[in-house]
Amino acid sequence: MAPRVVVVEADGGSRGNPGPAGYGAVVRDSETGEVLAERGESLGTATNNVAEYQGLIAGLTAAAELGAGEVDVRMDSKLVVEQMCGRWQIKHPGLRPLAAQAATLVGRFTAVRFTWIPRDQNRHADALANAAMDAAAGRPTPPPAAASAPASASAPAGGASTGSDPATAPASWEPRPSFTATRLILVRHGETEYTEQRRYSGRGDVPLSERGRAQARATGARVAALAPSVAAVLSSPLSRCTSTAAAIAGALGDVPVRTEDDLIECDFGQWEGRTFAEVRQQWPGEMDAWLASPRIAPPGGESFTQVAERIRRVIAALPTAYPAEAVVVVSHVSPIKLALRDALAAGDGFLHRLFLDAAGISVLDMWPDGGVAVRTVNDTAHLAKID
């Protein structure tokens, strides 16, 4: 049976602030001091305070996994303790999503108490954090030996504040913890008649075909398997997307669907509704120019550069709005290609070399400090049985 009350000791740091960073966390039985869980992980490049918050989040997550009801958190970071107690403001925007994530975890317990302790009373978590920092710096070290039981939680809070530099974007080969990321599940809408006929389909509100509706249902089941818990489903306002989004939301237990105008497809102007072959025949020069540069728009339409500006606005806001949660984004081929191009730091040629199927799924993770990892591109395994 899981203990009702546990102690979480957490620490984190970086070599350079920002520099190679890592965290450590230990969960103990509050009565015996027995170590119930250890967590330690490298973070790539980050600041001390980011690493300290990540250590707290890892410790609270481990305590929740053990089924604890109450938690005594002990840290040698005065800043984290005071901010989590609400006595100090969180001034740096890079820490706010992490504090919000920690606060969400705190809400899962009956009670959580925060206490500052001197560093020499936090040796076990400190050793785990140092091992993680060594790994981040390319100097792996063996795991630390278990430390003795912690000092009493009745020690008074106090001590000097640590620094609070804002987070910086990571640069590391080291895999990052996915539970701290906002996961974006990017879904292209299901097929329409225009899709099957290979026509330019931009702002025209073409509905899903019968096959497209079947694809939307299959996509809903696939998304529910990938992310059983989803914070929001965002959709382009066009019906081929809202219908796909509704099928996904239904599979997730009727998660509300919110339309976002900036997720709409590129405006193809005079090419709207025409086949690719017709456009090539009637506008050969314009098409060559359009294919050569994302700054060129179709006649009377919108350039990919303009589309990219609005898509970036949507994507950039999601980690703050949904820290450490999963979000489904249902959009069109051009916006999703542009989002993936930016995530992969790819060149403009990427836009014409990447193929995205109708109802295909792509997944990317975004961290509060600007880190990005593309995990899946154009997954269509769920569509295999649709005729």
Protein backbone atom coordinates (compact mmCIF):
# COMPACT_ATOMS: atom_id res chain seq x y z
CA MET A 1 0.00 0.00 0.00
CA ALA A 2 1.37 3.43 -0.95
CA PRO A 3 2.33 5.69 1.95
CA ARG A 4 -0.11 8.49 2.68
CA VAL A 5 2.60 11.05 3.50
CA VAL A 6 5.89 11.30 1.60
CA VAL A 7 8.86 13.64 1.57
CA VAL A 8 10.09 15.06 -1.72
CA GLU A 9 13.63 16.40 -1.85
CA ALA A 10 14.43 18.20 -5.09
CA ASP A 11 17.31 20.13 -6.59
CA GLY A 12 18.58 21.36 -9.93
CA GLY A 13 21.37 23.40 -11.35
CA SER A 14 23.41 24.39 -14.38
CA ARG A 15 27.08 24.83 -15.12
CA GLY A 16 27.19 28.35 -16.50
CA ASN A 17 23.63 29.60 -15.79
CA PRO A 18 22.65 29.04 -18.52
CA GLY A 19 24.74 25.99 -19.22
CA PRO A 20 24.60 22.18 -19.10
CA ALA A 21 21.73 21.58 -16.71
CA GLY A 22 20.01 18.78 -14.85
CA TYR A 23 17.79 18.01 -11.91
CA GLY A 24 17.44 15.42 -9.19
CA ALA A 25 14.52 14.40 -6.98
CA VAL A 26 14.06 11.84 -4.22
CA VAL A 27 10.79 10.58 -2.71
CA ARG A 28 11.01 9.15 0.82
CA ASP A 29 8.67 7.54 3.31
CA SER A 30 8.00 10.30 5.85
CA GLU A 31 8.31 7.96 8.83
CA THR A 32 11.21 5.67 7.96
CA GLY A 33 13.17 7.80 5.49
CA GLU A 34 13.21 4.88 3.03
CA VAL A 35 13.85 5.96 -0.55
CA LEU A 36 10.73 5.17 -2.59
CA ALA A 37 11.74 6.77 -5.89
CA GLU A 38 14.60 8.64 -7.52
CA ARG A 39 14.46 10.90 -10.54
CA GLY A 40 17.32 12.59 -12.36
CA GLU A 41 17.61 13.88 -15.90
CA SER A 42 19.70 16.16 -18.07
CA LEU A 43 18.00 19.20 -19.59
CA GLY A 44 20.49 20.30 -22.21
CA THR A 45 21.17 24.02 -21.80
CA ALA A 46 19.05 25.80 -19.18
CA THR A 47 19.32 28.03 -16.11
CA ASN A 48 19.58 27.10 -12.43
CA ASN A 49 16.01 28.10 -11.70
CA VAL A 50 14.55 26.19 -14.64
CA ALA A 51 16.42 23.08 -13.45
CA GLU A 52 15.20 23.58 -9.86
CA TYR A 53 11.58 23.79 -11.01
CA GLN A 54 12.05 20.71 -13.18
CA GLY A 55 13.35 18.85 -10.13
CA LEU A 56 10.27 19.88 -8.16
CA ILE A 57 7.97 18.79 -10.99
CA ALA A 58 9.73 15.43 -11.27
CA GLY A 59 9.47 14.85 -7.51
CA LEU A 60 5.78 15.74 -7.35
CA THR A 61 5.07 13.55 -10.38
CA ALA A 62 6.82 10.60 -8.74
CA ALA A 63 4.88 11.18 -5.50
CA ALA A 64 1.61 11.18 -7.44
CA GLU A 65 2.59 7.96 -9.18
CA LEU A 66 3.14 6.39 -5.75
CA GLY A 67 -0.38 7.40 -4.72
CA ALA A 68 0.68 9.77 -1.95
CA GLY A 69 -1.97 11.91 -0.29
CA GLU A 70 0.26 14.49 1.40
CA VAL A 71 3.71 15.74 0.47
CA ASP A 72 6.41 17.56 2.39
CA VAL A 73 8.63 19.28 -0.19
CA ARG A 74 12.14 20.20 0.93
CA MET A 75 14.42 22.23 -1.33
CA ASP A 76 17.50 24.39 -0.90
CA SER A 77 16.15 26.85 -3.49
CA LYS A 78 14.72 29.78 -1.58
CA LEU A 79 13.30 31.20 -4.80
CA VAL A 80 11.24 28.12 -5.70
CA VAL A 81 9.99 27.63 -2.14
CA GLU A 82 8.91 31.26 -1.75
CA GLN A 83 7.29 31.40 -5.19
CA MET A 84 5.36 28.17 -4.66
CA CYS A 85 4.16 29.49 -1.29
CA GLY A 86 2.94 32.65 -3.03
CA ARG A 87 5.16 35.00 -1.07
CA TRP A 88 7.37 36.01 -4.00
CA GLN A 89 6.23 37.06 -7.45
CA ILE A 90 7.30 35.06 -10.50
CA LYS A 91 8.82 37.87 -12.55
CA HIS A 92 10.58 35.90 -15.28
CA PRO A 93 8.28 34.61 -18.03
CA GLY A 94 10.41 31.51 -18.58
CA LEU A 95 9.54 30.25 -15.09
CA ARG A 96 5.80 30.93 -15.14
CA PRO A 97 4.80 27.84 -17.17
CA LEU A 98 6.92 25.66 -14.90
CA ALA A 99 5.39 27.16 -11.76
CA ALA A 100 1.94 26.64 -13.27
CA GLN A 101 2.74 23.00 -13.99
CA ALA A 102 3.99 22.50 -10.45
CA ALA A 103 0.86 24.17 -9.06
CA THR A 104 -1.31 21.80 -11.12
CA LEU A 105 0.53 18.86 -9.60
CA VAL A 106 0.13 20.32 -6.11
CA GLY A 107 -3.64 20.29 -6.66
CA ARG A 108 -3.58 16.50 -7.00
CA PHE A 109 -2.69 16.04 -3.32
CA THR A 110 -4.65 16.61 -0.11
CA ALA A 111 -1.86 18.84 1.19
CA VAL A 112 1.59 19.96 0.10
CA ARG A 113 3.97 21.79 2.43
CA PHE A 114 7.11 23.59 1.22
CA THR A 115 10.20 24.00 3.42
CA TRP A 116 13.58 25.50 2.67
CA ILE A 117 16.53 23.41 3.89
CA PRO A 118 20.30 24.03 3.76
CA ARG A 119 22.16 22.42 0.87
CA ASP A 120 23.96 19.95 3.14
CA GLN A 121 20.56 18.51 4.08
CA ASN A 122 19.69 18.00 0.42
CA ARG A 123 22.73 15.91 -0.52
CA HIS A 124 20.90 13.04 -2.22
CA ALA A 125 18.93 15.22 -4.65
CA ASP A 126 22.00 17.39 -5.16
CA ALA A 127 24.05 14.34 -6.15
CA LEU A 128 21.41 13.25 -8.66
CA ALA A 129 21.33 16.75 -10.13
CA ASN A 130 25.12 16.88 -10.41
CA ALA A 131 25.17 13.52 -12.19
CA ALA A 132 22.59 14.85 -14.64
CA MET A 133 24.63 18.03 -15.20
CA ASP A 134 27.73 15.90 -15.87
CA ALA A 135 25.75 13.95 -18.47
CA ALA A 136 24.53 17.19 -20.06
CA ALA A 137 28.13 18.36 -20.29
CA GLY A 138 29.24 15.07 -21.83
CA ARG A 139 30.81 13.69 -18.66
CA PRO A 140 28.60 10.79 -17.52
CA THR A 141 28.99 9.78 -13.91
CA PRO A 142 27.74 6.71 -11.99
CA PRO A 143 24.50 7.15 -10.04
CA PRO A 144 25.00 8.49 -6.51
CA ALA A 145 24.75 6.25 -3.50
CA ALA A 146 21.62 6.54 -1.41
CA ALA A 147 21.84 9.23 1.24
CA SER A 148 20.71 8.96 4.82
CA ALA A 149 17.21 9.82 5.95
CA PRO A 150 16.37 13.52 5.75
CA ALA A 151 16.36 15.97 8.59
CA SER A 152 13.09 16.92 10.26
CA ALA A 153 10.63 18.89 8.18
CA SER A 154 10.14 21.27 11.04
CA ALA A 155 13.26 23.25 10.11
CA PRO A 156 12.31 26.90 9.59
CA ALA A 157 12.35 28.46 6.14
CA GLY A 158 15.10 30.93 5.43
CA GLY A 159 18.36 31.50 3.59
CA ALA A 160 19.62 33.53 0.70
CA SER A 161 17.87 33.78 -2.63
CA THR A 162 19.33 32.18 -5.73
CA GLY A 163 19.39 33.89 -9.11
CA SER A 164 16.41 33.85 -11.41
CA ASP A 165 17.64 34.24 -14.97
CA PRO A 166 15.10 33.57 -17.71
CA ALA A 167 15.20 30.25 -19.52
CA THR A 168 17.17 29.85 -22.71
CA ALA A 169 16.56 27.55 -25.63
CA PRO A 170 18.30 24.18 -25.29
CA ALA A 171 21.05 22.89 -27.56
CA SER A 172 21.66 19.23 -26.83
CA TRP A 173 21.53 15.74 -28.33
CA GLU A 174 20.16 14.56 -24.99
CA PRO A 175 16.45 13.52 -25.11
CA ARG A 176 14.32 15.82 -22.99
CA PRO A 177 11.50 14.77 -20.62
CA SER A 178 8.29 14.77 -22.61
CA PHE A 179 6.11 15.29 -19.53
CA THR A 180 7.33 18.89 -19.25
CA ALA A 181 6.45 19.72 -22.87
CA THR A 182 3.30 21.01 -24.49
CA ARG A 183 2.47 18.35 -27.08
CA LEU A 184 0.91 19.56 -30.32
CA ILE A 185 -0.98 16.96 -32.33
CA LEU A 186 -1.29 18.49 -35.79
CA VAL A 187 -4.06 16.98 -37.92
CA ARG A 188 -4.84 17.72 -41.54
CA HIS A 189 -8.59 17.56 -42.23
CA GLY A 190 -10.14 14.55 -43.98
CA GLU A 191 -10.66 14.34 -47.73
CA THR A 192 -13.07 16.49 -49.72
CA GLU A 193 -14.13 16.26 -53.35
CA TYR A 194 -11.42 18.80 -54.15
CA THR A 195 -8.79 16.57 -52.52
CA GLU A 196 -9.77 13.64 -54.71
CA GLN A 197 -9.90 15.84 -57.84
CA ARG A 198 -6.52 17.45 -57.07
CA ARG A 199 -7.89 20.98 -56.99
CA TYR A 200 -6.57 24.00 -55.12
CA SER A 201 -8.68 24.25 -51.99
CA GLY A 202 -8.06 27.38 -49.95
CA ARG A 203 -10.73 29.62 -48.45
CA GLY A 204 -13.63 27.87 -50.19
CA ASP A 205 -15.75 25.99 -47.64
CA VAL A 206 -15.74 22.54 -49.23
CA PRO A 207 -17.22 19.87 -46.89
CA LEU A 208 -15.79 16.47 -46.14
CA SER A 209 -16.64 13.69 -48.55
CA GLU A 210 -18.01 10.38 -47.33
CA ARG A 211 -14.47 9.01 -47.31
CA GLY A 212 -13.31 12.13 -45.49
CA ARG A 213 -15.87 11.58 -42.74
CA ALA A 214 -14.65 8.00 -42.30
CA GLN A 215 -11.09 9.31 -42.11
CA ALA A 216 -12.12 11.81 -39.44
CA ARG A 217 -13.62 9.05 -37.31
CA ALA A 218 -10.51 6.91 -37.67
CA THR A 219 -8.33 9.91 -36.82
CA GLY A 220 -10.35 10.52 -33.68
CA ALA A 221 -9.66 6.98 -32.49
CA ARG A 222 -5.97 7.35 -33.30
CA VAL A 223 -5.62 10.66 -31.45
CA ALA A 224 -7.43 9.23 -28.43
CA ALA A 225 -4.87 6.41 -28.37
CA LEU A 226 -1.94 8.82 -28.71
CA ALA A 227 -3.16 11.28 -26.07
CA PRO A 228 -6.04 10.08 -23.90
CA SER A 229 -5.97 13.40 -22.03
CA VAL A 230 -6.22 16.49 -24.24
CA ALA A 231 -6.62 20.03 -22.94
CA ALA A 232 -8.13 21.54 -26.09
CA VAL A 233 -9.00 20.96 -29.73
CA LEU A 234 -8.31 23.96 -31.96
CA SER A 235 -9.63 24.13 -35.51
CA SER A 236 -9.64 26.23 -38.63
CA PRO A 237 -13.12 27.75 -39.07
CA LEU A 238 -13.74 25.95 -42.39
CA SER A 239 -16.18 23.05 -42.17
CA ARG A 240 -13.77 20.39 -43.46
CA CYS A 241 -11.68 21.12 -40.37
CA THR A 242 -14.45 21.67 -37.83
CA SER A 243 -16.07 18.37 -38.87
CA THR A 244 -12.73 16.58 -38.45
CA ALA A 245 -12.20 18.34 -35.11
CA ALA A 246 -15.68 17.34 -33.91
CA ALA A 247 -14.96 13.67 -34.63
CA ILE A 248 -11.68 13.90 -32.71
CA ALA A 249 -13.30 15.75 -29.81
CA GLY A 250 -16.03 13.11 -29.62
CA ALA A 251 -13.46 10.32 -29.41
CA LEU A 252 -11.76 12.21 -26.57
CA GLY A 253 -14.95 12.50 -24.53
CA ASP A 254 -16.43 15.64 -26.07
CA VAL A 255 -13.52 17.98 -25.48
CA PRO A 256 -14.67 21.50 -26.52
CA VAL A 257 -13.63 22.62 -30.02
CA ARG A 258 -12.39 26.20 -30.40
CA THR A 259 -12.08 27.74 -33.85
CA GLU A 260 -9.03 29.85 -34.59
CA ASP A 261 -9.14 32.10 -37.66
CA ASP A 262 -5.35 32.05 -38.08
CA LEU A 263 -5.45 28.29 -38.75
CA ILE A 264 -7.33 28.78 -42.03
CA GLU A 265 -5.79 27.57 -45.30
CA CYS A 266 -3.78 29.78 -47.64
CA ASP A 267 -5.88 32.00 -49.91
CA PHE A 268 -5.14 30.70 -53.40
CA GLY A 269 -6.92 33.61 -55.09
CA GLN A 270 -7.71 32.95 -58.76
CA TRP A 271 -6.44 29.39 -58.47
CA GLU A 272 -9.17 28.41 -56.00
CA GLY A 273 -11.13 25.37 -57.18
CA ARG A 274 -8.95 24.79 -60.24
CA THR A 275 -6.97 21.63 -60.85
CA PHE A 276 -3.21 21.66 -60.62
CA ALA A 277 -3.01 20.97 -64.34
CA GLU A 278 -5.31 23.90 -65.16
CA VAL A 279 -3.20 26.30 -63.13
CA ARG A 280 -0.01 25.08 -64.76
CA GLN A 281 -1.56 25.63 -68.20
CA GLN A 282 -3.11 29.07 -67.57
CA TRP A 283 -0.55 30.62 -65.20
CA PRO A 284 2.79 28.94 -66.02
CA GLY A 285 4.94 31.98 -65.16
CA GLU A 286 3.05 32.77 -61.97
CA MET A 287 3.26 29.15 -60.85
CA ASP A 288 7.02 29.02 -61.45
CA ALA A 289 7.46 32.19 -59.40
CA TRP A 290 5.21 30.84 -56.64
CA LEU A 291 7.14 27.58 -56.44
CA ALA A 292 10.43 29.48 -56.36
CA SER A 293 9.66 31.75 -53.40
CA PRO A 294 7.29 31.66 -50.39
CA ARG A 295 7.04 35.46 -50.69
CA ILE A 296 5.12 35.19 -53.98
CA ALA A 297 1.33 34.89 -53.77
CA PRO A 298 -1.00 33.34 -56.34
CA PRO A 299 -2.87 36.00 -58.35
CA GLY A 300 -5.27 37.67 -55.90
CA GLY A 301 -4.19 35.37 -53.09
CA GLU A 302 -1.87 35.05 -50.10
CA SER A 303 1.82 34.15 -49.93
CA PHE A 304 3.21 31.39 -47.74
CA THR A 305 5.20 34.07 -45.92
CA GLN A 306 1.93 35.69 -44.88
CA VAL A 307 0.46 32.34 -43.86
CA ALA A 308 3.57 31.60 -41.79
CA GLU A 309 3.19 34.83 -39.81
CA ARG A 310 -0.28 33.95 -38.58
CA ILE A 311 0.54 30.30 -37.94
CA ARG A 312 3.51 31.31 -35.79
CA ARG A 313 1.18 33.47 -33.68
CA VAL A 314 -1.01 30.47 -32.94
CA ILE A 315 1.81 28.00 -32.27
CA ALA A 316 3.83 30.40 -30.10
CA ALA A 317 0.90 31.00 -27.75
CA LEU A 318 0.16 27.33 -27.05
CA PRO A 319 2.95 26.44 -24.56
CA THR A 320 1.91 29.34 -22.34
CA ALA A 321 -1.81 28.64 -22.67
CA TYR A 322 -1.43 24.87 -22.15
CA PRO A 323 1.80 24.16 -20.22
CA ALA A 324 2.73 20.46 -20.14
CA GLU A 325 -0.57 19.47 -21.77
CA ALA A 326 -1.62 17.99 -25.10
CA VAL A 327 -3.41 20.13 -27.68
CA VAL A 328 -4.96 18.98 -30.95
CA VAL A 329 -4.66 21.44 -33.85
CA VAL A 330 -6.83 20.68 -36.90
CA SER A 331 -5.80 22.67 -39.93
CA HIS A 332 -4.84 22.44 -43.61
CA VAL A 333 -1.86 21.28 -45.58
CA SER A 334 -0.14 24.68 -45.94
CA PRO A 335 -0.32 25.80 -42.29
CA ILE A 336 0.82 22.40 -41.04
CA LYS A 337 3.72 22.28 -43.50
CA LEU A 338 4.81 25.75 -42.37
CA ALA A 339 4.59 24.78 -38.68
CA LEU A 340 6.73 21.69 -39.34
CA ARG A 341 9.21 23.68 -41.44
CA ASP A 342 9.74 26.08 -38.54
CA ALA A 343 9.95 23.28 -35.97
CA LEU A 344 12.63 21.50 -38.01
CA ALA A 345 14.46 24.74 -38.87
CA ALA A 346 14.19 23.64 -42.51
CA GLY A 347 14.57 25.68 -45.66
CA ASP A 348 11.80 26.81 -47.98
CA GLY A 349 12.33 23.82 -50.29
CA PHE A 350 10.86 21.71 -47.48
CA LEU A 351 7.39 23.05 -48.31
CA HIS A 352 7.34 21.44 -51.76
CA ARG A 353 9.11 18.23 -50.75
CA LEU A 354 6.94 17.27 -47.78
CA PHE A 355 3.72 15.42 -48.57
CA LEU A 356 0.88 15.50 -46.04
CA ASP A 357 -2.03 13.12 -46.54
CA ALA A 358 -5.60 14.04 -45.72
CA ALA A 359 -6.23 13.09 -42.07
CA GLY A 360 -2.50 12.58 -41.49
CA ILE A 361 -1.15 13.22 -37.99
CA SER A 362 2.08 14.96 -37.02
CA VAL A 363 3.29 15.41 -33.45
CA LEU A 364 5.71 17.91 -31.98
CA ASP A 365 6.70 18.83 -28.44
CA MET A 366 7.45 22.37 -27.27
CA TRP A 367 9.19 23.26 -24.00
CA PRO A 368 8.87 26.52 -22.04
CA ASP A 369 12.48 27.50 -22.80
CA GLY A 370 11.98 27.29 -26.57
CA GLY A 371 13.06 23.70 -27.13
CA VAL A 372 11.23 21.78 -29.87
CA ALA A 373 11.18 18.10 -30.85
CA VAL A 374 9.30 16.73 -33.87
CA ARG A 375 8.19 13.21 -33.00
CA THR A 376 5.92 12.16 -35.87
CA VAL A 377 5.27 13.43 -39.39
CA ASN A 378 2.23 12.40 -41.48
CA ASP A 379 1.18 9.29 -39.55
CA THR A 380 -1.51 7.55 -41.63
CA ALA A 381 -1.50 4.04 -40.14
CA HIS A 382 -5.03 4.60 -38.83
CA LEU A 383 -6.33 5.07 -42.38
CA ALA A 384 -5.16 1.71 -43.74
CA LYS A 385 -8.57 0.01 -43.53
CA ILE A 386 -10.57 2.81 -45.16
CA ASP A 387 -11.56 2.02 -48.75
